[in-house]
Amino acid sequence: MDKFSLYVPNFLPRKEYFDPAKNNACPGCGLALALRHVYKAAEGLIEKAVWERAPKSDFLGDTGALSFLRITKGSAHVMICFDNEAGARFPDVLTKKMPTVALAEGFAYVATACPSYPFDLYDKVKRALDTAGKSYLHILCPCPVGWVYEAEDTVKIGFKAVETNVFPLYETANGACNITVKTMKPKHPAVYFKAQQRFANLSDEDIAQAAATVEQQYGRLVEQSQPK
């Protein structure tokens, strides 16, 4: 049992807006779990939400596999990317360019999230919906089929992504960056990579280089989060 199992049903709204019977998600689908939390946060607004596809970009690479949900609330326009890394190859999975693009384009609120951390995800959707202007959320959605791990380990895989700093959880608003989930003693990225068969062919050198990249990227994030 993961560490949130006893608490999530008691602290998130009980009303469900996501009906698993109306989708063909596989067992353990991280995208379906993320949708459930997003729908709870959006409540009735989800009925008018629109699914979109991102255009191809030389900078971003092939974004054809990414799914985007647009939700509008008054002057708030929220774009949510559900990223299950379909088709993404190593080492591209280490670099999430969309949040950087959103910041460069002047989005008022930009954040990353993962369904393994439901309270963090829920709160960020709420903050985005309460922010005037454009907001962008990038949600990492573990996929047991594409990533090749046991379906019951989806939440654990999400934990590993964050606890190794491979996918840090942060938000940027009004020019200020805040790391929302901090790991006091980060685990080595190998813990994350070796939990998935899709990375079975990585050599020790590959993992060492990935660890260096993760450390560098997280270091920059920490610098950005420091008070000016």
Protein backbone atom coordinates (compact mmCIF):
# COMPACT_ATOMS: atom_id res chain seq x y z
CA MET A 1 0.00 0.00 0.00
CA ASP A 2 1.43 3.38 -0.97
CA LYS A 3 1.71 6.16 1.58
CA PHE A 4 -1.29 8.12 0.26
CA SER A 5 -3.82 5.30 -0.01
CA LEU A 6 -5.37 5.91 3.41
CA TYR A 7 -5.61 9.69 3.01
CA VAL A 8 -6.57 10.55 -0.57
CA PRO A 9 -10.24 9.45 -0.31
CA ASN A 10 -10.65 11.45 2.90
CA PHE A 11 -9.19 14.75 1.71
CA LEU A 12 -10.04 15.02 -1.98
CA PRO A 13 -13.68 15.66 -2.99
CA ARG A 14 -15.71 12.47 -3.10
CA LYS A 15 -17.71 13.45 -6.18
CA GLU A 16 -16.38 11.79 -9.31
CA TYR A 17 -16.41 13.47 -12.73
CA PHE A 18 -14.23 10.88 -14.47
CA ASP A 19 -16.01 7.65 -15.40
CA PRO A 20 -13.47 4.85 -15.98
CA ALA A 21 -16.19 2.76 -17.62
CA LYS A 22 -16.32 5.26 -20.51
CA ASN A 23 -12.65 4.96 -21.47
CA ASN A 24 -10.43 2.12 -22.65
CA ALA A 25 -7.49 2.76 -20.33
CA CYS A 26 -5.29 -0.19 -19.44
CA PRO A 27 -5.00 -1.36 -15.81
CA GLY A 28 -2.64 0.91 -13.90
CA CYS A 29 -2.89 3.72 -16.47
CA GLY A 30 -1.22 6.83 -15.04
CA LEU A 31 -3.04 9.06 -17.52
CA ALA A 32 -6.44 7.83 -16.31
CA LEU A 33 -5.38 8.44 -12.70
CA ALA A 34 -4.21 11.96 -13.58
CA LEU A 35 -7.49 12.63 -15.37
CA ARG A 36 -9.45 11.60 -12.31
CA HIS A 37 -7.62 14.15 -10.14
CA VAL A 38 -7.84 16.90 -12.78
CA TYR A 39 -11.56 16.32 -13.23
CA LYS A 40 -12.11 16.55 -9.48
CA ALA A 41 -10.29 19.89 -9.37
CA ALA A 42 -12.08 21.29 -12.42
CA GLU A 43 -15.50 20.05 -11.25
CA GLY A 44 -18.31 21.18 -13.55
CA LEU A 45 -15.92 23.10 -15.80
CA ILE A 46 -14.75 19.80 -17.21
CA GLU A 47 -17.97 19.47 -19.20
CA LYS A 48 -16.84 22.30 -21.49
CA ALA A 49 -13.17 21.34 -21.62
CA VAL A 50 -11.67 20.73 -25.06
CA TRP A 51 -9.07 18.13 -26.11
CA GLU A 52 -6.39 19.35 -28.50
CA ARG A 53 -3.25 18.14 -30.25
CA ALA A 54 0.00 20.11 -30.21
CA PRO A 55 1.51 21.19 -33.52
CA LYS A 56 4.85 19.68 -34.55
CA SER A 57 7.88 21.77 -33.67
CA ASP A 58 11.57 21.55 -34.55
CA PHE A 59 12.40 22.66 -31.01
CA LEU A 60 9.98 20.34 -29.22
CA GLY A 61 10.35 17.39 -31.56
CA ASP A 62 7.39 15.17 -32.41
CA THR A 63 4.54 16.13 -30.09
CA GLY A 64 1.97 14.04 -31.94
CA ALA A 65 1.65 11.59 -29.04
CA LEU A 66 0.90 14.29 -26.46
CA SER A 67 -2.66 15.03 -25.35
CA PHE A 68 -3.73 18.49 -24.23
CA LEU A 69 -6.84 19.49 -22.32
CA ARG A 70 -7.95 23.11 -22.41
CA ILE A 71 -10.15 24.38 -19.56
CA THR A 72 -11.55 27.91 -19.34
CA LYS A 73 -12.82 29.70 -16.25
CA GLY A 74 -13.60 33.38 -16.79
CA SER A 75 -10.31 35.04 -17.76
CA ALA A 76 -8.34 31.90 -16.87
CA HIS A 77 -7.26 29.69 -19.77
CA VAL A 78 -5.58 26.49 -18.63
CA MET A 79 -3.71 24.10 -20.92
CA ILE A 80 -2.87 20.72 -19.40
CA CYS A 81 -0.46 18.29 -21.05
CA PHE A 82 -0.80 14.59 -20.14
CA ASP A 83 2.61 13.16 -20.96
CA ASN A 84 2.98 9.37 -20.98
CA GLU A 85 6.22 9.72 -23.00
CA ALA A 86 4.78 7.64 -25.83
CA GLY A 87 7.52 7.23 -28.41
CA ALA A 88 10.02 9.27 -26.37
CA ARG A 89 13.55 7.88 -26.39
CA PHE A 90 16.44 8.12 -24.01
CA PRO A 91 17.87 10.67 -23.25
CA ASP A 92 14.99 12.87 -24.50
CA VAL A 93 12.85 11.72 -21.56
CA LEU A 94 15.14 13.74 -19.27
CA THR A 95 14.23 17.07 -20.83
CA LYS A 96 10.71 18.47 -20.62
CA LYS A 97 10.72 21.44 -22.98
CA MET A 98 7.04 22.38 -22.89
CA PRO A 99 7.14 24.18 -19.50
CA THR A 100 10.15 26.19 -20.72
CA VAL A 101 8.27 27.16 -23.88
CA ALA A 102 5.20 28.17 -21.85
CA LEU A 103 7.33 30.42 -19.64
CA ALA A 104 9.03 31.97 -22.66
CA GLU A 105 5.63 32.69 -24.19
CA GLY A 106 4.50 34.56 -21.10
CA PHE A 107 2.15 32.09 -19.44
CA ALA A 108 1.12 33.48 -16.05
CA TYR A 109 1.33 30.14 -14.25
CA VAL A 110 3.42 27.10 -15.21
CA ALA A 111 3.72 23.89 -13.20
CA THR A 112 4.64 20.21 -13.33
CA ALA A 113 2.65 17.46 -11.62
CA CYS A 114 2.34 13.69 -11.27
CA PRO A 115 -0.70 11.61 -10.19
CA SER A 116 1.46 9.86 -7.58
CA TYR A 117 1.21 13.16 -5.68
CA PRO A 118 -2.56 13.78 -5.88
CA PHE A 119 -2.75 16.71 -3.45
CA ASP A 120 0.02 18.57 -5.28
CA LEU A 121 -1.68 17.93 -8.63
CA TYR A 122 -5.13 18.91 -7.37
CA ASP A 123 -3.88 22.16 -5.81
CA LYS A 124 -2.02 23.16 -8.97
CA VAL A 125 -5.10 22.70 -11.13
CA LYS A 126 -7.05 24.86 -8.69
CA ARG A 127 -4.35 27.57 -8.70
CA ALA A 128 -4.22 27.54 -12.49
CA LEU A 129 -8.00 27.96 -12.70
CA ASP A 130 -7.78 30.91 -10.29
CA THR A 131 -5.02 32.63 -12.29
CA ALA A 132 -6.06 35.28 -14.80
CA GLY A 133 -4.50 34.69 -18.19
CA LYS A 134 -2.84 31.58 -19.60
CA SER A 135 -1.61 28.70 -17.42
CA TYR A 136 0.19 25.50 -18.36
CA LEU A 137 0.45 22.21 -16.44
CA HIS A 138 2.70 19.36 -17.54
CA ILE A 139 1.66 16.07 -15.94
CA LEU A 140 3.89 12.99 -16.06
CA CYS A 141 1.65 9.94 -16.56
CA PRO A 142 3.43 6.60 -16.00
CA CYS A 143 2.37 3.95 -18.51
CA PRO A 144 2.74 0.26 -17.54
CA VAL A 145 2.43 -0.88 -21.16
CA GLY A 146 4.85 1.57 -22.79
CA TRP A 147 7.27 1.77 -19.88
CA VAL A 148 7.03 -1.98 -19.19
CA TYR A 149 6.41 -2.47 -15.48
CA GLU A 150 3.69 -4.17 -13.42
CA ALA A 151 0.37 -2.31 -13.51
CA GLU A 152 0.12 -2.14 -9.71
CA ASP A 153 3.42 -0.19 -9.56
CA THR A 154 2.21 2.96 -11.34
CA VAL A 155 2.14 5.13 -8.21
CA LYS A 156 5.53 3.80 -7.12
CA ILE A 157 7.06 4.63 -10.51
CA GLY A 158 5.76 8.18 -10.16
CA PHE A 159 7.34 8.40 -6.71
CA LYS A 160 10.67 7.27 -8.15
CA ALA A 161 10.53 9.86 -10.93
CA VAL A 162 10.18 12.64 -8.36
CA GLU A 163 12.39 11.21 -5.61
CA THR A 164 15.31 10.89 -8.06
CA ASN A 165 14.75 14.45 -9.40
CA VAL A 166 14.26 13.03 -12.89
CA PHE A 167 10.86 14.76 -12.88
CA PRO A 168 10.86 17.50 -10.22
CA LEU A 169 7.56 19.04 -9.14
CA TYR A 170 7.54 22.84 -9.22
CA GLU A 171 5.48 25.86 -10.16
CA THR A 172 6.31 29.31 -11.49
CA ALA A 173 4.00 32.27 -11.00
CA ASN A 174 4.68 36.00 -11.27
CA GLY A 175 8.30 35.24 -12.11
CA ALA A 176 8.86 33.27 -8.88
CA CYS A 177 9.74 29.57 -8.98
CA ASN A 178 8.78 27.22 -6.16
CA ILE A 179 9.75 23.55 -5.83
CA THR A 180 6.55 22.10 -4.38
CA VAL A 181 7.81 18.61 -3.48
CA LYS A 182 11.33 18.45 -2.09
CA THR A 183 13.25 15.25 -1.43
CA MET A 184 15.74 15.70 1.40
CA LYS A 185 17.88 12.76 0.27
CA PRO A 186 17.29 12.24 -3.46
CA LYS A 187 17.73 8.72 -4.77
CA HIS A 188 20.08 7.95 -7.65
CA PRO A 189 18.32 8.12 -11.05
CA ALA A 190 19.24 4.45 -11.56
CA VAL A 191 16.44 3.62 -9.09
CA TYR A 192 13.95 5.09 -11.58
CA PHE A 193 15.49 3.76 -14.79
CA LYS A 194 15.97 0.20 -13.55
CA ALA A 195 12.34 -0.04 -12.44
CA GLN A 196 11.24 0.01 -16.11
CA GLN A 197 12.07 -2.53 -18.78
CA ARG A 198 12.05 0.17 -21.49
CA PHE A 199 15.45 1.24 -20.14
CA ALA A 200 16.84 -2.29 -19.88
CA ASN A 201 19.46 -1.60 -22.54
CA LEU A 202 21.01 1.38 -20.77
CA SER A 203 24.65 0.90 -19.91
CA ASP A 204 26.26 2.03 -16.67
CA GLU A 205 27.79 4.89 -18.66
CA ASP A 206 24.37 5.91 -19.96
CA ILE A 207 22.98 6.00 -16.43
CA ALA A 208 25.97 7.94 -15.14
CA GLN A 209 25.52 10.55 -17.89
CA ALA A 210 21.79 10.71 -17.15
CA ALA A 211 22.53 11.25 -13.45
CA ALA A 212 24.85 14.14 -14.33
CA THR A 213 22.17 15.70 -16.53
CA VAL A 214 19.53 15.34 -13.80
CA GLU A 215 21.85 16.92 -11.22
CA GLN A 216 22.59 19.84 -13.53
CA GLN A 217 18.94 20.45 -14.39
CA TYR A 218 17.80 20.21 -10.79
CA GLY A 219 20.61 22.55 -9.72
CA ARG A 220 19.34 25.18 -12.14
CA LEU A 221 15.83 24.72 -10.78
CA VAL A 222 17.06 25.24 -7.23
CA GLU A 223 18.85 28.42 -8.31
CA GLN A 224 15.66 29.72 -9.91
CA SER A 225 13.72 29.04 -6.71
CA GLN A 226 16.08 31.07 -4.54
CA PRO A 227 14.84 34.52 -3.37
CA LYS A 228 16.26 37.29 -5.52
